Amino acid sequence: MSNTKNTSEPQNSQESPKGTENETAEDRPSPMQVLRHARTQLAELTGMAAESVSSFEQTEDGWSLEVEVLELVRVPDTMSLMASYQVDLDPAGELTGYRRVRRYERGRADSHRPGGR
C-alpha cells in the first residue's frame, strides 16, 4: 500500500502567483539583486558592459537606473567615448526599456549637470 497524497488538494495554500498584489516583501528582489540583474540585462541587449551605475531609485512602476557604459575605446583612455543609459525595470527587476541619454568623452566633465557629472 502506498502513501500518496490526493493531487486535487492544493500543495501549498499560502503560495501566490508572482506579480500579484498579494506579493510580500520576501518575494521581491533586493535593491542589489535588481542592480546586478539590470546590468546583466543591459549588457545582453547592447553588447556593452556596464562600468558603473550613477543613479538608482525605486519608482511607482518599479526601478529606474542610469548606467554608464564604454561605447568606444580610444587611445589615450581619457578620449574613450562613454554613454549614460536610462534603464527602466518593473518591480521584479525585469528590464522594460532603456535609452541613451548622453554621450561623452571619459576624461571630460559635463558642465550642464550638477556636480560636473
N, C-alpha and C. Protein backbone atom coordinates (compact mmCIF):
# COMPACT_ATOMS: atom_id res chain seq x y z
N MET A 1 0.84 -1.17 0.00
CA MET A 1 0.00 0.00 0.00
C MET A 1 0.90 1.24 0.00
N SER A 2 0.63 2.15 -0.91
CA SER A 2 1.46 3.35 -1.00
C SER A 2 0.80 4.49 -0.23
N ASN A 3 1.63 5.39 0.23
CA ASN A 3 1.16 6.55 0.96
C ASN A 3 1.21 7.74 0.02
N THR A 4 0.13 7.97 -0.73
CA THR A 4 0.11 9.08 -1.70
C THR A 4 -0.86 10.15 -1.24
N LYS A 5 -0.62 11.34 -1.71
CA LYS A 5 -1.44 12.48 -1.37
C LYS A 5 -2.47 12.70 -2.48
N ASN A 6 -3.64 13.14 -2.14
CA ASN A 6 -4.65 13.46 -3.13
C ASN A 6 -4.19 14.69 -3.90
N THR A 7 -3.99 14.55 -5.22
CA THR A 7 -3.42 15.65 -6.00
C THR A 7 -4.41 16.77 -6.28
N SER A 8 -5.66 16.58 -5.97
CA SER A 8 -6.62 17.65 -6.20
C SER A 8 -6.57 18.70 -5.09
N GLU A 9 -5.92 18.38 -3.97
CA GLU A 9 -5.77 19.36 -2.90
C GLU A 9 -4.59 20.27 -3.19
N PRO A 10 -4.69 21.55 -2.84
CA PRO A 10 -3.55 22.45 -3.09
C PRO A 10 -2.35 22.01 -2.27
N GLN A 11 -1.18 22.03 -2.89
CA GLN A 11 0.06 21.62 -2.23
C GLN A 11 0.51 22.65 -1.20
N ASN A 12 0.35 23.93 -1.56
CA ASN A 12 0.79 24.99 -0.66
C ASN A 12 -0.23 26.13 -0.77
N SER A 13 -1.11 26.21 0.16
CA SER A 13 -2.19 27.19 0.08
C SER A 13 -1.72 28.63 0.30
N GLN A 14 -0.51 28.83 0.84
CA GLN A 14 -0.02 30.18 1.09
C GLN A 14 0.72 30.75 -0.11
N GLU A 15 0.96 29.93 -1.13
CA GLU A 15 1.70 30.39 -2.30
C GLU A 15 0.82 31.26 -3.18
N SER A 16 1.34 32.40 -3.62
CA SER A 16 0.59 33.27 -4.51
C SER A 16 1.39 33.46 -5.79
N PRO A 17 0.73 33.64 -6.91
CA PRO A 17 1.46 33.84 -8.16
C PRO A 17 2.28 35.11 -8.12
N LYS A 18 3.47 35.07 -8.77
CA LYS A 18 4.33 36.26 -8.81
C LYS A 18 3.65 37.37 -9.57
N GLY A 19 3.88 38.60 -9.11
CA GLY A 19 3.35 39.76 -9.80
C GLY A 19 1.94 40.14 -9.36
N THR A 20 1.42 39.49 -8.35
CA THR A 20 0.09 39.85 -7.88
C THR A 20 0.19 40.85 -6.75
N GLU A 21 -0.95 41.40 -6.38
CA GLU A 21 -0.97 42.38 -5.29
C GLU A 21 -0.67 41.74 -3.94
N ASN A 22 -0.78 40.41 -3.85
CA ASN A 22 -0.52 39.70 -2.60
C ASN A 22 0.96 39.45 -2.39
N GLU A 23 1.80 39.94 -3.28
CA GLU A 23 3.23 39.72 -3.19
C GLU A 23 3.78 40.36 -1.91
N THR A 24 4.61 39.61 -1.19
CA THR A 24 5.18 40.11 0.06
C THR A 24 6.58 40.64 -0.20
N ALA A 25 7.13 41.32 0.79
CA ALA A 25 8.48 41.87 0.67
C ALA A 25 9.51 40.76 0.43
N GLU A 26 9.27 39.57 0.95
CA GLU A 26 10.20 38.46 0.77
C GLU A 26 10.23 37.98 -0.69
N ASP A 27 9.14 38.20 -1.43
CA ASP A 27 9.06 37.77 -2.82
C ASP A 27 9.79 38.73 -3.76
N ARG A 28 9.95 39.97 -3.36
CA ARG A 28 10.58 40.97 -4.22
C ARG A 28 12.09 40.88 -4.11
N PRO A 29 12.79 41.16 -5.22
CA PRO A 29 14.26 41.14 -5.15
C PRO A 29 14.79 42.33 -4.36
N SER A 30 15.96 42.15 -3.78
CA SER A 30 16.59 43.25 -3.04
C SER A 30 17.12 44.28 -4.03
N PRO A 31 17.37 45.50 -3.57
CA PRO A 31 17.93 46.51 -4.48
C PRO A 31 19.23 46.04 -5.15
N MET A 32 20.10 45.36 -4.43
CA MET A 32 21.35 44.88 -5.04
C MET A 32 21.08 43.82 -6.10
N GLN A 33 20.11 42.95 -5.89
CA GLN A 33 19.75 41.96 -6.90
C GLN A 33 19.22 42.65 -8.15
N VAL A 34 18.38 43.67 -7.96
CA VAL A 34 17.83 44.43 -9.08
C VAL A 34 18.96 45.09 -9.85
N LEU A 35 19.89 45.73 -9.16
CA LEU A 35 21.00 46.42 -9.78
C LEU A 35 21.86 45.45 -10.60
N ARG A 36 22.23 44.32 -10.02
CA ARG A 36 23.05 43.34 -10.73
C ARG A 36 22.34 42.79 -11.96
N HIS A 37 21.06 42.49 -11.80
CA HIS A 37 20.29 41.93 -12.91
C HIS A 37 20.11 42.96 -14.02
N ALA A 38 19.93 44.22 -13.67
CA ALA A 38 19.79 45.28 -14.67
C ALA A 38 21.06 45.42 -15.49
N ARG A 39 22.21 45.39 -14.84
CA ARG A 39 23.49 45.48 -15.55
C ARG A 39 23.65 44.32 -16.52
N THR A 40 23.28 43.13 -16.09
CA THR A 40 23.39 41.94 -16.94
C THR A 40 22.45 42.05 -18.14
N GLN A 41 21.21 42.45 -17.90
CA GLN A 41 20.23 42.57 -18.98
C GLN A 41 20.65 43.62 -20.00
N LEU A 42 21.14 44.78 -19.54
CA LEU A 42 21.58 45.83 -20.45
C LEU A 42 22.75 45.35 -21.30
N ALA A 43 23.69 44.65 -20.69
CA ALA A 43 24.84 44.12 -21.42
C ALA A 43 24.40 43.13 -22.50
N GLU A 44 23.43 42.28 -22.19
CA GLU A 44 22.92 41.33 -23.18
C GLU A 44 22.29 42.04 -24.36
N LEU A 45 21.54 43.10 -24.10
CA LEU A 45 20.83 43.81 -25.16
C LEU A 45 21.74 44.70 -26.01
N THR A 46 22.71 45.35 -25.38
CA THR A 46 23.53 46.31 -26.10
C THR A 46 24.89 45.76 -26.52
N GLY A 47 25.35 44.71 -25.87
CA GLY A 47 26.68 44.19 -26.14
C GLY A 47 27.77 44.98 -25.44
N MET A 48 27.38 45.91 -24.58
CA MET A 48 28.34 46.75 -23.86
C MET A 48 28.19 46.52 -22.36
N ALA A 49 29.31 46.27 -21.71
CA ALA A 49 29.28 46.04 -20.26
C ALA A 49 29.14 47.35 -19.50
N ALA A 50 28.35 47.31 -18.45
CA ALA A 50 28.17 48.49 -17.60
C ALA A 50 29.44 48.70 -16.78
N GLU A 51 29.92 49.94 -16.77
CA GLU A 51 31.09 50.27 -15.96
C GLU A 51 30.68 50.72 -14.57
N SER A 52 29.56 51.45 -14.49
CA SER A 52 29.08 51.91 -13.19
C SER A 52 27.60 52.28 -13.29
N VAL A 53 27.00 52.43 -12.12
CA VAL A 53 25.62 52.89 -12.03
C VAL A 53 25.67 54.22 -11.32
N SER A 54 25.24 55.30 -12.01
CA SER A 54 25.37 56.63 -11.43
C SER A 54 24.11 57.09 -10.70
N SER A 55 22.97 56.43 -10.97
CA SER A 55 21.78 56.71 -10.16
C SER A 55 20.91 55.46 -10.15
N PHE A 56 20.16 55.34 -9.05
CA PHE A 56 19.36 54.14 -8.82
C PHE A 56 18.24 54.52 -7.87
N GLU A 57 16.98 54.36 -8.31
CA GLU A 57 15.87 54.71 -7.43
C GLU A 57 14.66 53.83 -7.70
N GLN A 58 13.87 53.64 -6.67
CA GLN A 58 12.62 52.90 -6.80
C GLN A 58 11.54 53.91 -7.21
N THR A 59 10.71 53.51 -8.19
CA THR A 59 9.65 54.37 -8.69
C THR A 59 8.30 53.69 -8.47
N GLU A 60 7.22 54.38 -8.83
CA GLU A 60 5.89 53.78 -8.72
C GLU A 60 5.75 52.55 -9.62
N ASP A 61 6.46 52.57 -10.76
CA ASP A 61 6.37 51.48 -11.73
C ASP A 61 7.44 50.42 -11.59
N GLY A 62 8.37 50.58 -10.65
CA GLY A 62 9.44 49.60 -10.47
C GLY A 62 10.73 50.27 -10.05
N TRP A 63 11.70 50.32 -10.98
CA TRP A 63 13.02 50.87 -10.68
C TRP A 63 13.50 51.69 -11.87
N SER A 64 14.35 52.68 -11.60
CA SER A 64 14.95 53.49 -12.65
C SER A 64 16.44 53.65 -12.32
N LEU A 65 17.28 53.39 -13.32
CA LEU A 65 18.73 53.47 -13.14
C LEU A 65 19.33 54.29 -14.25
N GLU A 66 20.47 54.90 -13.97
CA GLU A 66 21.30 55.49 -15.02
C GLU A 66 22.61 54.73 -14.98
N VAL A 67 22.94 54.08 -16.09
CA VAL A 67 24.09 53.20 -16.18
C VAL A 67 25.10 53.78 -17.16
N GLU A 68 26.38 53.79 -16.75
CA GLU A 68 27.46 54.29 -17.59
C GLU A 68 28.13 53.10 -18.28
N VAL A 69 28.27 53.20 -19.62
CA VAL A 69 28.92 52.13 -20.39
C VAL A 69 30.01 52.73 -21.27
N LEU A 70 31.00 51.90 -21.59
CA LEU A 70 32.06 52.27 -22.51
C LEU A 70 31.58 51.92 -23.91
N GLU A 71 31.38 52.94 -24.76
CA GLU A 71 30.88 52.70 -26.12
C GLU A 71 31.98 52.56 -27.15
N LEU A 72 33.08 53.31 -27.00
CA LEU A 72 34.15 53.26 -27.99
C LEU A 72 35.48 53.46 -27.30
N VAL A 73 36.37 52.48 -27.46
CA VAL A 73 37.71 52.56 -26.85
C VAL A 73 38.61 53.39 -27.74
N ARG A 74 39.30 54.36 -27.12
CA ARG A 74 40.27 55.19 -27.82
C ARG A 74 41.55 55.26 -27.00
N VAL A 75 42.63 55.67 -27.67
CA VAL A 75 43.90 55.86 -27.00
C VAL A 75 44.24 57.34 -27.11
N PRO A 76 44.54 58.03 -26.02
CA PRO A 76 44.56 57.53 -24.65
C PRO A 76 43.14 57.25 -24.12
N ASP A 77 43.09 56.52 -23.04
CA ASP A 77 41.81 56.09 -22.45
C ASP A 77 40.90 57.26 -22.10
N THR A 78 41.47 58.41 -21.78
CA THR A 78 40.65 59.57 -21.43
C THR A 78 39.85 60.10 -22.61
N MET A 79 40.16 59.65 -23.82
CA MET A 79 39.42 60.05 -25.02
C MET A 79 38.37 59.02 -25.42
N SER A 80 38.27 57.92 -24.69
CA SER A 80 37.26 56.90 -24.98
C SER A 80 35.87 57.49 -24.83
N LEU A 81 34.92 57.00 -25.64
CA LEU A 81 33.55 57.51 -25.57
C LEU A 81 32.72 56.68 -24.60
N MET A 82 32.11 57.38 -23.66
CA MET A 82 31.24 56.79 -22.66
C MET A 82 29.80 57.19 -22.99
N ALA A 83 28.84 56.47 -22.42
CA ALA A 83 27.44 56.84 -22.60
C ALA A 83 26.68 56.53 -21.32
N SER A 84 25.67 57.33 -21.06
CA SER A 84 24.76 57.09 -19.94
C SER A 84 23.45 56.57 -20.52
N TYR A 85 22.97 55.48 -19.95
CA TYR A 85 21.70 54.90 -20.38
C TYR A 85 20.70 54.97 -19.24
N GLN A 86 19.51 55.44 -19.54
CA GLN A 86 18.37 55.39 -18.61
C GLN A 86 17.77 54.01 -18.77
N VAL A 87 17.71 53.25 -17.68
CA VAL A 87 17.20 51.88 -17.70
C VAL A 87 15.99 51.81 -16.78
N ASP A 88 14.87 51.33 -17.30
CA ASP A 88 13.65 51.18 -16.53
C ASP A 88 13.35 49.70 -16.32
N LEU A 89 12.96 49.37 -15.08
CA LEU A 89 12.68 47.98 -14.71
C LEU A 89 11.33 47.89 -14.02
N ASP A 90 10.70 46.73 -14.13
CA ASP A 90 9.44 46.51 -13.41
C ASP A 90 9.76 46.18 -11.95
N PRO A 91 8.76 46.04 -11.08
CA PRO A 91 9.03 45.77 -9.66
C PRO A 91 9.83 44.50 -9.40
N ALA A 92 9.77 43.53 -10.31
CA ALA A 92 10.52 42.29 -10.14
C ALA A 92 11.95 42.42 -10.63
N GLY A 93 12.31 43.57 -11.22
CA GLY A 93 13.67 43.79 -11.67
C GLY A 93 13.91 43.41 -13.13
N GLU A 94 12.84 43.17 -13.89
CA GLU A 94 12.99 42.83 -15.30
C GLU A 94 13.01 44.12 -16.12
N LEU A 95 13.94 44.21 -17.05
CA LEU A 95 14.09 45.39 -17.88
C LEU A 95 12.86 45.60 -18.76
N THR A 96 12.32 46.81 -18.72
CA THR A 96 11.15 47.14 -19.54
C THR A 96 11.50 48.15 -20.63
N GLY A 97 12.65 48.82 -20.50
CA GLY A 97 13.07 49.76 -21.52
C GLY A 97 14.38 50.42 -21.16
N TYR A 98 15.07 50.92 -22.19
CA TYR A 98 16.29 51.68 -21.96
C TYR A 98 16.48 52.66 -23.10
N ARG A 99 17.25 53.73 -22.83
CA ARG A 99 17.58 54.69 -23.88
C ARG A 99 18.86 55.41 -23.50
N ARG A 100 19.64 55.76 -24.51
CA ARG A 100 20.86 56.52 -24.25
C ARG A 100 20.46 57.97 -24.02
N VAL A 101 20.93 58.54 -22.90
CA VAL A 101 20.58 59.92 -22.56
C VAL A 101 21.71 60.90 -22.80
N ARG A 102 22.94 60.41 -22.87
CA ARG A 102 24.05 61.30 -23.20
C ARG A 102 25.27 60.47 -23.59
N ARG A 103 26.17 61.12 -24.32
CA ARG A 103 27.41 60.50 -24.75
C ARG A 103 28.52 61.51 -24.49
N TYR A 104 29.67 61.05 -24.01
CA TYR A 104 30.73 61.98 -23.61
C TYR A 104 32.08 61.28 -23.63
N GLU A 105 33.14 62.09 -23.67
CA GLU A 105 34.50 61.55 -23.56
C GLU A 105 34.77 61.26 -22.09
N ARG A 106 35.45 60.14 -21.84
CA ARG A 106 35.71 59.71 -20.47
C ARG A 106 36.38 60.79 -19.65
N GLY A 107 37.32 61.52 -20.18
CA GLY A 107 38.08 62.50 -19.42
C GLY A 107 37.45 63.88 -19.34
N ARG A 108 36.23 64.04 -19.83
CA ARG A 108 35.62 65.37 -19.87
C ARG A 108 34.42 65.45 -18.93
N ALA A 109 34.41 66.47 -18.08
CA ALA A 109 33.27 66.69 -17.18
C ALA A 109 32.14 67.36 -17.95
N ASP A 110 30.93 67.04 -17.59
CA ASP A 110 29.76 67.64 -18.22
C ASP A 110 29.36 68.87 -17.41
N SER A 111 29.51 70.05 -17.98
CA SER A 111 29.23 71.28 -17.24
C SER A 111 27.74 71.56 -17.10
N HIS A 112 26.88 70.81 -17.80
CA HIS A 112 25.45 71.05 -17.76
C HIS A 112 24.74 70.28 -16.64
N ARG A 113 25.45 69.42 -15.96
CA ARG A 113 24.84 68.61 -14.91
C ARG A 113 25.40 69.01 -13.56
N PRO A 114 24.59 68.94 -12.50
CA PRO A 114 25.07 69.29 -11.15
C PRO A 114 26.27 68.42 -10.75
N GLY A 115 27.25 69.03 -10.15
CA GLY A 115 28.41 68.29 -9.66
C GLY A 115 29.39 67.91 -10.75
N GLY A 116 29.18 68.37 -11.98
CA GLY A 116 30.11 68.07 -13.06
C GLY A 116 30.00 66.65 -13.56
N ARG A 117 28.93 65.94 -13.23
CA ARG A 117 28.79 64.54 -13.65
C ARG A 117 28.04 64.44 -14.95
